Amino acid sequence: MGVTIKDIAKLANVSHTTVSRALNNSPLIKEKTKKKILDIANTLNYIPDYHAKNLVLQKSHTIGLFFTSMANGTSPSFLADSIR
């Protein structure tokens, strides 16, 4: 498992809420604190977990395509054209 905001919070001696706000560029966080948190995140090669964020936001940014028949009456590029 990778680095979490709780790991960053522990090193920065702040709450995980403060880390989250700093990483999301909230105006509620002082610039000095934000810089400290971003420096720690960069040092630890922090990568946000977009799946976790999507759960919190209740958005998946996923589109589903359903096809009833791929064999009858479709051109070879039908699937690629549909996705595009």
PDB file of N, CA and C in Angstrom:
ATOM      1  N   MET A   1       0.846  -1.180   0.000  1.00  0.00           N
ATOM      2  CA  MET A   1       0.000   0.000   0.000  1.00  0.00           C
ATOM      3  C   MET A   1       0.888   1.239   0.000  1.00  0.00           C
ATOM      4  N   GLY A   2       0.446   2.277  -0.706  1.00  0.00           N
ATOM      5  CA  GLY A   2       1.224   3.502  -0.838  1.00  0.00           C
ATOM      6  C   GLY A   2       1.067   4.429   0.347  1.00  0.00           C
ATOM      7  N   VAL A   3       1.592   5.600   0.163  1.00  0.00           N
ATOM      8  CA  VAL A   3       1.534   6.640   1.180  1.00  0.00           C
ATOM      9  C   VAL A   3       0.107   7.185   1.251  1.00  0.00           C
ATOM     10  N   THR A   4      -0.379   7.418   2.465  1.00  0.00           N
ATOM     11  CA  THR A   4      -1.720   7.958   2.652  1.00  0.00           C
ATOM     12  C   THR A   4      -1.635   9.366   3.234  1.00  0.00           C
ATOM     13  N   ILE A   5      -2.774  10.058   3.254  1.00  0.00           N
ATOM     14  CA  ILE A   5      -2.780  11.393   3.852  1.00  0.00           C
ATOM     15  C   ILE A   5      -2.542  11.311   5.355  1.00  0.00           C
ATOM     16  N   LYS A   6      -2.856  10.164   5.949  1.00  0.00           N
ATOM     17  CA  LYS A   6      -2.585   9.995   7.381  1.00  0.00           C
ATOM     18  C   LYS A   6      -1.087   9.917   7.643  1.00  0.00           C
ATOM     19  N   ASP A   7      -0.337   9.309   6.730  1.00  0.00           N
ATOM     20  CA  ASP A   7       1.122   9.272   6.849  1.00  0.00           C
ATOM     21  C   ASP A   7       1.701  10.686   6.759  1.00  0.00           C
ATOM     22  N   ILE A   8       1.197  11.451   5.813  1.00  0.00           N
ATOM     23  CA  ILE A   8       1.660  12.828   5.641  1.00  0.00           C
ATOM     24  C   ILE A   8       1.294  13.655   6.868  1.00  0.00           C
ATOM     25  N   ALA A   9       0.072  13.456   7.371  1.00  0.00           N
ATOM     26  CA  ALA A   9      -0.393  14.204   8.542  1.00  0.00           C
ATOM     27  C   ALA A   9       0.496  13.949   9.747  1.00  0.00           C
ATOM     28  N   LYS A  10       0.888  12.704   9.920  1.00  0.00           N
ATOM     29  CA  LYS A  10       1.743  12.351  11.066  1.00  0.00           C
ATOM     30  C   LYS A  10       3.098  13.061  10.970  1.00  0.00           C
ATOM     31  N   LEU A  11       3.681  13.065   9.777  1.00  0.00           N
ATOM     32  CA  LEU A  11       4.977  13.714   9.586  1.00  0.00           C
ATOM     33  C   LEU A  11       4.881  15.236   9.692  1.00  0.00           C
ATOM     34  N   ALA A  12       3.759  15.802   9.253  1.00  0.00           N
ATOM     35  CA  ALA A  12       3.586  17.256   9.288  1.00  0.00           C
ATOM     36  C   ALA A  12       3.035  17.736  10.627  1.00  0.00           C
ATOM     37  N   ASN A  13       2.647  16.774  11.472  1.00  0.00           N
ATOM     38  CA  ASN A  13       2.083  17.097  12.789  1.00  0.00           C
ATOM     39  C   ASN A  13       0.797  17.931  12.665  1.00  0.00           C
ATOM     40  N   VAL A  14      -0.058  17.503  11.714  1.00  0.00           N
ATOM     41  CA  VAL A  14      -1.362  18.136  11.506  1.00  0.00           C
ATOM     42  C   VAL A  14      -2.400  17.017  11.355  1.00  0.00           C
ATOM     43  N   SER A  15      -3.657  17.374  11.264  1.00  0.00           N
ATOM     44  CA  SER A  15      -4.709  16.373  11.081  1.00  0.00           C
ATOM     45  C   SER A  15      -4.777  15.937   9.613  1.00  0.00           C
ATOM     46  N   HIS A  16      -5.380  14.773   9.389  1.00  0.00           N
ATOM     47  CA  HIS A  16      -5.526  14.308   8.002  1.00  0.00           C
ATOM     48  C   HIS A  16      -6.492  15.218   7.234  1.00  0.00           C
ATOM     49  N   THR A  17      -7.386  15.889   7.950  1.00  0.00           N
ATOM     50  CA  THR A  17      -8.292  16.848   7.318  1.00  0.00           C
ATOM     51  C   THR A  17      -7.504  18.035   6.769  1.00  0.00           C
ATOM     52  N   THR A  18      -6.530  18.498   7.532  1.00  0.00           N
ATOM     53  CA  THR A  18      -5.681  19.603   7.087  1.00  0.00           C
ATOM     54  C   THR A  18      -4.891  19.196   5.856  1.00  0.00           C
ATOM     55  N   VAL A  19      -4.379  17.976   5.844  1.00  0.00           N
ATOM     56  CA  VAL A  19      -3.634  17.483   4.682  1.00  0.00           C
ATOM     57  C   VAL A  19      -4.547  17.438   3.462  1.00  0.00           C
ATOM     58  N   SER A  20      -5.735  16.911   3.635  1.00  0.00           N
ATOM     59  CA  SER A  20      -6.690  16.832   2.530  1.00  0.00           C
ATOM     60  C   SER A  20      -6.995  18.215   1.980  1.00  0.00           C
ATOM     61  N   ARG A  21      -7.231  19.160   2.863  1.00  0.00           N
ATOM     62  CA  ARG A  21      -7.525  20.524   2.422  1.00  0.00           C
ATOM     63  C   ARG A  21      -6.337  21.143   1.703  1.00  0.00           C
ATOM     64  N   ALA A  22      -5.142  20.909   2.207  1.00  0.00           N
ATOM     65  CA  ALA A  22      -3.940  21.457   1.567  1.00  0.00           C
ATOM     66  C   ALA A  22      -3.750  20.858   0.175  1.00  0.00           C
ATOM     67  N   LEU A  23      -3.947  19.563   0.049  1.00  0.00           N
ATOM     68  CA  LEU A  23      -3.769  18.896  -1.241  1.00  0.00           C
ATOM     69  C   LEU A  23      -4.831  19.320  -2.252  1.00  0.00           C
ATOM     70  N   ASN A  24      -5.988  19.756  -1.738  1.00  0.00           N
ATOM     71  CA  ASN A  24      -7.069  20.220  -2.610  1.00  0.00           C
ATOM     72  C   ASN A  24      -7.094  21.744  -2.729  1.00  0.00           C
ATOM     73  N   ASN A  25      -6.002  22.377  -2.290  1.00  0.00           N
ATOM     74  CA  ASN A  25      -5.799  23.825  -2.437  1.00  0.00           C
ATOM     75  C   ASN A  25      -6.903  24.662  -1.780  1.00  0.00           C
ATOM     76  N   SER A  26      -7.303  24.265  -0.585  1.00  0.00           N
ATOM     77  CA  SER A  26      -8.328  24.995   0.149  1.00  0.00           C
ATOM     78  C   SER A  26      -7.792  26.340   0.642  1.00  0.00           C
ATOM     79  N   PRO A  27      -8.611  27.372   0.578  1.00  0.00           N
ATOM     80  CA  PRO A  27      -8.181  28.680   1.095  1.00  0.00           C
ATOM     81  C   PRO A  27      -8.155  28.722   2.630  1.00  0.00           C
ATOM     82  N   LEU A  28      -8.654  27.685   3.268  1.00  0.00           N
ATOM     83  CA  LEU A  28      -8.683  27.639   4.730  1.00  0.00           C
ATOM     84  C   LEU A  28      -7.323  27.319   5.350  1.00  0.00           C
ATOM     85  N   ILE A  29      -6.381  26.876   4.543  1.00  0.00           N
ATOM     86  CA  ILE A  29      -5.063  26.462   5.030  1.00  0.00           C
ATOM     87  C   ILE A  29      -4.043  27.559   4.747  1.00  0.00           C
ATOM     88  N   LYS A  30      -3.238  27.883   5.750  1.00  0.00           N
ATOM     89  CA  LYS A  30      -2.195  28.891   5.585  1.00  0.00           C
ATOM     90  C   LYS A  30      -1.169  28.414   4.565  1.00  0.00           C
ATOM     91  N   GLU A  31      -0.593  29.358   3.830  1.00  0.00           N
ATOM     92  CA  GLU A  31       0.379  29.031   2.777  1.00  0.00           C
ATOM     93  C   GLU A  31       1.591  28.281   3.326  1.00  0.00           C
ATOM     94  N   LYS A  32       2.059  28.661   4.490  1.00  0.00           N
ATOM     95  CA  LYS A  32       3.223  28.004   5.097  1.00  0.00           C
ATOM     96  C   LYS A  32       2.912  26.525   5.376  1.00  0.00           C
ATOM     97  N   THR A  33       1.730  26.260   5.927  1.00  0.00           N
ATOM     98  CA  THR A  33       1.322  24.887   6.227  1.00  0.00           C
ATOM     99  C   THR A  33       1.123  24.101   4.936  1.00  0.00           C
ATOM    100  N   LYS A  34       0.495  24.731   3.950  1.00  0.00           N
ATOM    101  CA  LYS A  34       0.251  24.083   2.661  1.00  0.00           C
ATOM    102  C   LYS A  34       1.565  23.687   1.999  1.00  0.00           C
ATOM    103  N   LYS A  35       2.542  24.613   2.032  1.00  0.00           N
ATOM    104  CA  LYS A  35       3.847  24.323   1.425  1.00  0.00           C
ATOM    105  C   LYS A  35       4.527  23.160   2.136  1.00  0.00           C
ATOM    106  N   LYS A  36       4.467  23.149   3.454  1.00  0.00           N
ATOM    107  CA  LYS A  36       5.074  22.069   4.238  1.00  0.00           C
ATOM    108  C   LYS A  36       4.453  20.723   3.864  1.00  0.00           C
ATOM    109  N   ILE A  37       3.140  20.692   3.764  1.00  0.00           N
ATOM    110  CA  ILE A  37       2.423  19.452   3.431  1.00  0.00           C
ATOM    111  C   ILE A  37       2.751  19.009   2.003  1.00  0.00           C
ATOM    112  N   LEU A  38       2.748  19.949   1.067  1.00  0.00           N
ATOM    113  CA  LEU A  38       3.066  19.603  -0.324  1.00  0.00           C
ATOM    114  C   LEU A  38       4.502  19.115  -0.471  1.00  0.00           C
ATOM    115  N   ASP A  39       5.421  19.699   0.280  1.00  0.00           N
ATOM    116  CA  ASP A  39       6.821  19.249   0.247  1.00  0.00           C
ATOM    117  C   ASP A  39       6.940  17.817   0.765  1.00  0.00           C
ATOM    118  N   ILE A  40       6.249  17.518   1.854  1.00  0.00           N
ATOM    119  CA  ILE A  40       6.277  16.155   2.407  1.00  0.00           C
ATOM    120  C   ILE A  40       5.644  15.177   1.418  1.00  0.00           C
ATOM    121  N   ALA A  41       4.521  15.575   0.825  1.00  0.00           N
ATOM    122  CA  ALA A  41       3.842  14.714  -0.150  1.00  0.00           C
ATOM    123  C   ALA A  41       4.752  14.419  -1.346  1.00  0.00           C
ATOM    124  N   ASN A  42       5.458  15.437  -1.829  1.00  0.00           N
ATOM    125  CA  ASN A  42       6.387  15.240  -2.951  1.00  0.00           C
ATOM    126  C   ASN A  42       7.561  14.352  -2.561  1.00  0.00           C
ATOM    127  N   THR A  43       8.077  14.550  -1.365  1.00  0.00           N
ATOM    128  CA  THR A  43       9.209  13.747  -0.888  1.00  0.00           C
ATOM    129  C   THR A  43       8.825  12.268  -0.793  1.00  0.00           C
ATOM    130  N   LEU A  44       7.595  12.004  -0.345  1.00  0.00           N
ATOM    131  CA  LEU A  44       7.131  10.623  -0.181  1.00  0.00           C
ATOM    132  C   LEU A  44       6.529  10.038  -1.462  1.00  0.00           C
ATOM    133  N   ASN A  45       6.551  10.833  -2.545  1.00  0.00           N
ATOM    134  CA  ASN A  45       5.951  10.411  -3.822  1.00  0.00           C
ATOM    135  C   ASN A  45       4.481  10.032  -3.647  1.00  0.00           C
ATOM    136  N   TYR A  46       3.754  10.887  -2.934  1.00  0.00           N
ATOM    137  CA  TYR A  46       2.330  10.650  -2.689  1.00  0.00           C
ATOM    138  C   TYR A  46       1.541  10.715  -3.989  1.00  0.00           C
ATOM    139  N   ILE A  47       0.683   9.716  -4.197  1.00  0.00           N
ATOM    140  CA  ILE A  47      -0.222   9.681  -5.340  1.00  0.00           C
ATOM    141  C   ILE A  47      -1.636   9.553  -4.781  1.00  0.00           C
ATOM    142  N   PRO A  48      -2.526  10.506  -5.110  1.00  0.00           N
ATOM    143  CA  PRO A  48      -3.886  10.449  -4.583  1.00  0.00           C
ATOM    144  C   PRO A  48      -4.614   9.181  -5.034  1.00  0.00           C
ATOM    145  N   ASP A  49      -5.453   8.645  -4.167  1.00  0.00           N
ATOM    146  CA  ASP A  49      -6.271   7.485  -4.495  1.00  0.00           C
ATOM    147  C   ASP A  49      -7.594   7.991  -5.055  1.00  0.00           C
ATOM    148  N   TYR A  50      -7.697   8.012  -6.382  1.00  0.00           N
ATOM    149  CA  TYR A  50      -8.880   8.562  -7.026  1.00  0.00           C
ATOM    150  C   TYR A  50     -10.121   7.715  -6.777  1.00  0.00           C
ATOM    151  N   HIS A  51      -9.930   6.421  -6.536  1.00  0.00           N
ATOM    152  CA  HIS A  51     -11.083   5.566  -6.217  1.00  0.00           C
ATOM    153  C   HIS A  51     -11.694   5.988  -4.884  1.00  0.00           C
ATOM    154  N   ALA A  52     -10.857   6.266  -3.906  1.00  0.00           N
ATOM    155  CA  ALA A  52     -11.349   6.713  -2.600  1.00  0.00           C
ATOM    156  C   ALA A  52     -12.026   8.075  -2.723  1.00  0.00           C
ATOM    157  N   LYS A  53     -11.432   8.959  -3.499  1.00  0.00           N
ATOM    158  CA  LYS A  53     -12.025  10.280  -3.688  1.00  0.00           C
ATOM    159  C   LYS A  53     -13.386  10.172  -4.372  1.00  0.00           C
ATOM    160  N   ASN A  54     -13.477   9.301  -5.362  1.00  0.00           N
ATOM    161  CA  ASN A  54     -14.743   9.108  -6.056  1.00  0.00           C
ATOM    162  C   ASN A  54     -15.816   8.557  -5.126  1.00  0.00           C
ATOM    163  N   LEU A  55     -15.419   7.701  -4.183  1.00  0.00           N
ATOM    164  CA  LEU A  55     -16.385   7.182  -3.212  1.00  0.00           C
ATOM    165  C   LEU A  55     -16.931   8.311  -2.340  1.00  0.00           C
ATOM    166  N   VAL A  56     -16.055   9.190  -1.900  1.00  0.00           N
ATOM    167  CA  VAL A  56     -16.468  10.309  -1.055  1.00  0.00           C
ATOM    168  C   VAL A  56     -17.367  11.261  -1.835  1.00  0.00           C
ATOM    169  N   LEU A  57     -16.988  11.545  -3.076  1.00  0.00           N
ATOM    170  CA  LEU A  57     -17.763  12.468  -3.902  1.00  0.00           C
ATOM    171  C   LEU A  57     -19.004  11.823  -4.515  1.00  0.00           C
ATOM    172  N   GLN A  58     -19.086  10.505  -4.422  1.00  0.00           N
ATOM    173  CA  GLN A  58     -20.170   9.715  -5.014  1.00  0.00           C
ATOM    174  C   GLN A  58     -20.262   9.940  -6.522  1.00  0.00           C
ATOM    175  N   LYS A  59     -19.092   9.998  -7.148  1.00  0.00           N
ATOM    176  CA  LYS A  59     -18.982  10.123  -8.601  1.00  0.00           C
ATOM    177  C   LYS A  59     -17.917   9.148  -9.072  1.00  0.00           C
ATOM    178  N   SER A  60     -18.177   8.482 -10.182  1.00  0.00           N
ATOM    179  CA  SER A  60     -17.190   7.539 -10.684  1.00  0.00           C
ATOM    180  C   SER A  60     -16.556   7.983 -11.997  1.00  0.00           C
ATOM    181  N   HIS A  61     -17.178   8.928 -12.685  1.00  0.00           N
ATOM    182  CA  HIS A  61     -16.691   9.390 -13.984  1.00  0.00           C
ATOM    183  C   HIS A  61     -16.526   8.207 -14.942  1.00  0.00           C
ATOM    184  N   THR A  62     -17.438   7.238 -14.838  1.00  0.00           N
ATOM    185  CA  THR A  62     -17.410   6.048 -15.674  1.00  0.00           C
ATOM    186  C   THR A  62     -18.633   6.035 -16.576  1.00  0.00           C
ATOM    187  N   ILE A  63     -18.419   5.686 -17.819  1.00  0.00           N
ATOM    188  CA  ILE A  63     -19.514   5.580 -18.780  1.00  0.00           C
ATOM    189  C   ILE A  63     -19.602   4.133 -19.224  1.00  0.00           C
ATOM    190  N   GLY A  64     -20.787   3.577 -19.225  1.00  0.00           N
ATOM    191  CA  GLY A  64     -20.995   2.204 -19.683  1.00  0.00           C
ATOM    192  C   GLY A  64     -21.640   2.181 -21.051  1.00  0.00           C
ATOM    193  N   LEU A  65     -21.199   1.258 -21.883  1.00  0.00           N
ATOM    194  CA  LEU A  65     -21.795   1.058 -23.204  1.00  0.00           C
ATOM    195  C   LEU A  65     -22.375  -0.342 -23.273  1.00  0.00           C
ATOM    196  N   PHE A  66     -23.606  -0.443 -23.734  1.00  0.00           N
ATOM    197  CA  PHE A  66     -24.256  -1.743 -23.877  1.00  0.00           C
ATOM    198  C   PHE A  66     -24.632  -1.940 -25.332  1.00  0.00           C
ATOM    199  N   PHE A  67     -24.241  -3.079 -25.885  1.00  0.00           N
ATOM    200  CA  PHE A  67     -24.556  -3.418 -27.262  1.00  0.00           C
ATOM    201  C   PHE A  67     -25.373  -4.704 -27.272  1.00  0.00           C
ATOM    202  N   THR A  68     -26.443  -4.702 -28.045  1.00  0.00           N
ATOM    203  CA  THR A  68     -27.264  -5.907 -28.105  1.00  0.00           C
ATOM    204  C   THR A  68     -26.681  -6.932 -29.068  1.00  0.00           C
ATOM    205  N   SER A  69     -25.994  -6.472 -30.106  1.00  0.00           N
ATOM    206  CA  SER A  69     -25.426  -7.409 -31.067  1.00  0.00           C
ATOM    207  C   SER A  69     -24.176  -6.811 -31.690  1.00  0.00           C
ATOM    208  N   MET A  70     -23.113  -7.547 -31.633  1.00  0.00           N
ATOM    209  CA  MET A  70     -21.877  -7.092 -32.259  1.00  0.00           C
ATOM    210  C   MET A  70     -21.663  -7.789 -33.601  1.00  0.00           C
ATOM    211  N   ALA A  71     -22.419  -8.862 -33.861  1.00  0.00           N
ATOM    212  CA  ALA A  71     -22.169  -9.663 -35.052  1.00  0.00           C
ATOM    213  C   ALA A  71     -23.052  -9.262 -36.226  1.00  0.00           C
ATOM    214  N   ASN A  72     -24.243  -8.796 -35.965  1.00  0.00           N
ATOM    215  CA  ASN A  72     -25.192  -8.526 -37.054  1.00  0.00           C
ATOM    216  C   ASN A  72     -25.223  -7.044 -37.429  1.00  0.00           C
ATOM    217  N   GLY A  73     -24.798  -6.752 -38.655  1.00  0.00           N
ATOM    218  CA  GLY A  73     -24.954  -5.418 -39.197  1.00  0.00           C
ATOM    219  C   GLY A  73     -24.033  -4.352 -38.637  1.00  0.00           C
ATOM    220  N   THR A  74     -22.890  -4.725 -38.100  1.00  0.00           N
ATOM    221  CA  THR A  74     -21.961  -3.707 -37.604  1.00  0.00           C
ATOM    222  C   THR A  74     -20.693  -3.707 -38.439  1.00  0.00           C
ATOM    223  N   SER A  75     -20.131  -2.520 -38.631  1.00  0.00           N
ATOM    224  CA  SER A  75     -18.886  -2.417 -39.392  1.00  0.00           C
ATOM    225  C   SER A  75     -17.715  -2.739 -38.462  1.00  0.00           C
ATOM    226  N   PRO A  76     -16.547  -3.053 -39.005  1.00  0.00           N
ATOM    227  CA  PRO A  76     -15.391  -3.360 -38.170  1.00  0.00           C
ATOM    228  C   PRO A  76     -15.003  -2.213 -37.218  1.00  0.00           C
ATOM    229  N   SER A  77     -15.297  -0.993 -37.616  1.00  0.00           N
ATOM    230  CA  SER A  77     -14.891   0.141 -36.776  1.00  0.00           C
ATOM    231  C   SER A  77     -16.034   0.632 -35.886  1.00  0.00           C
ATOM    232  N   PHE A  78     -17.135  -0.104 -35.831  1.00  0.00           N
ATOM    233  CA  PHE A  78     -18.304   0.343 -35.042  1.00  0.00           C
ATOM    234  C   PHE A  78     -17.966   0.585 -33.581  1.00  0.00           C
ATOM    235  N   LEU A  79     -17.274  -0.364 -32.940  1.00  0.00           N
ATOM    236  CA  LEU A  79     -16.952  -0.235 -31.540  1.00  0.00           C
ATOM    237  C   LEU A  79     -16.033   0.976 -31.286  1.00  0.00           C
ATOM    238  N   ALA A  80     -15.002   1.108 -32.119  1.00  0.00           N
ATOM    239  CA  ALA A  80     -14.082   2.243 -31.966  1.00  0.00           C
ATOM    240  C   ALA A  80     -14.798   3.560 -32.193  1.00  0.00           C
ATOM    241  N   ASP A  81     -15.678   3.635 -33.197  1.00  0.00           N
ATOM    242  CA  ASP A  81     -16.441   4.851 -33.462  1.00  0.00           C
ATOM    243  C   ASP A  81     -17.381   5.171 -32.310  1.00  0.00           C
ATOM    244  N   SER A  82     -17.982   4.156 -31.730  1.00  0.00           N
ATOM    245  CA  SER A  82     -18.913   4.364 -30.610  1.00  0.00           C
ATOM    246  C   SER A  82     -18.181   4.892 -29.378  1.00  0.00           C
ATOM    247  N   ILE A  83     -17.018   4.371 -29.110  1.00  0.00           N
ATOM    248  CA  ILE A  83     -16.247   4.815 -27.941  1.00  0.00           C
ATOM    249  C   ILE A  83     -15.744   6.242 -28.161  1.00  0.00           C
ATOM    250  N   ARG A  84     -15.304   6.536 -29.353  1.00  0.00           N
ATOM    251  CA  ARG A  84     -14.800   7.877 -29.676  1.00  0.00           C
ATOM    252  C   ARG A  84     -15.914   8.894 -29.529  1.00  0.00           C
TER     253      ARG A  84
END
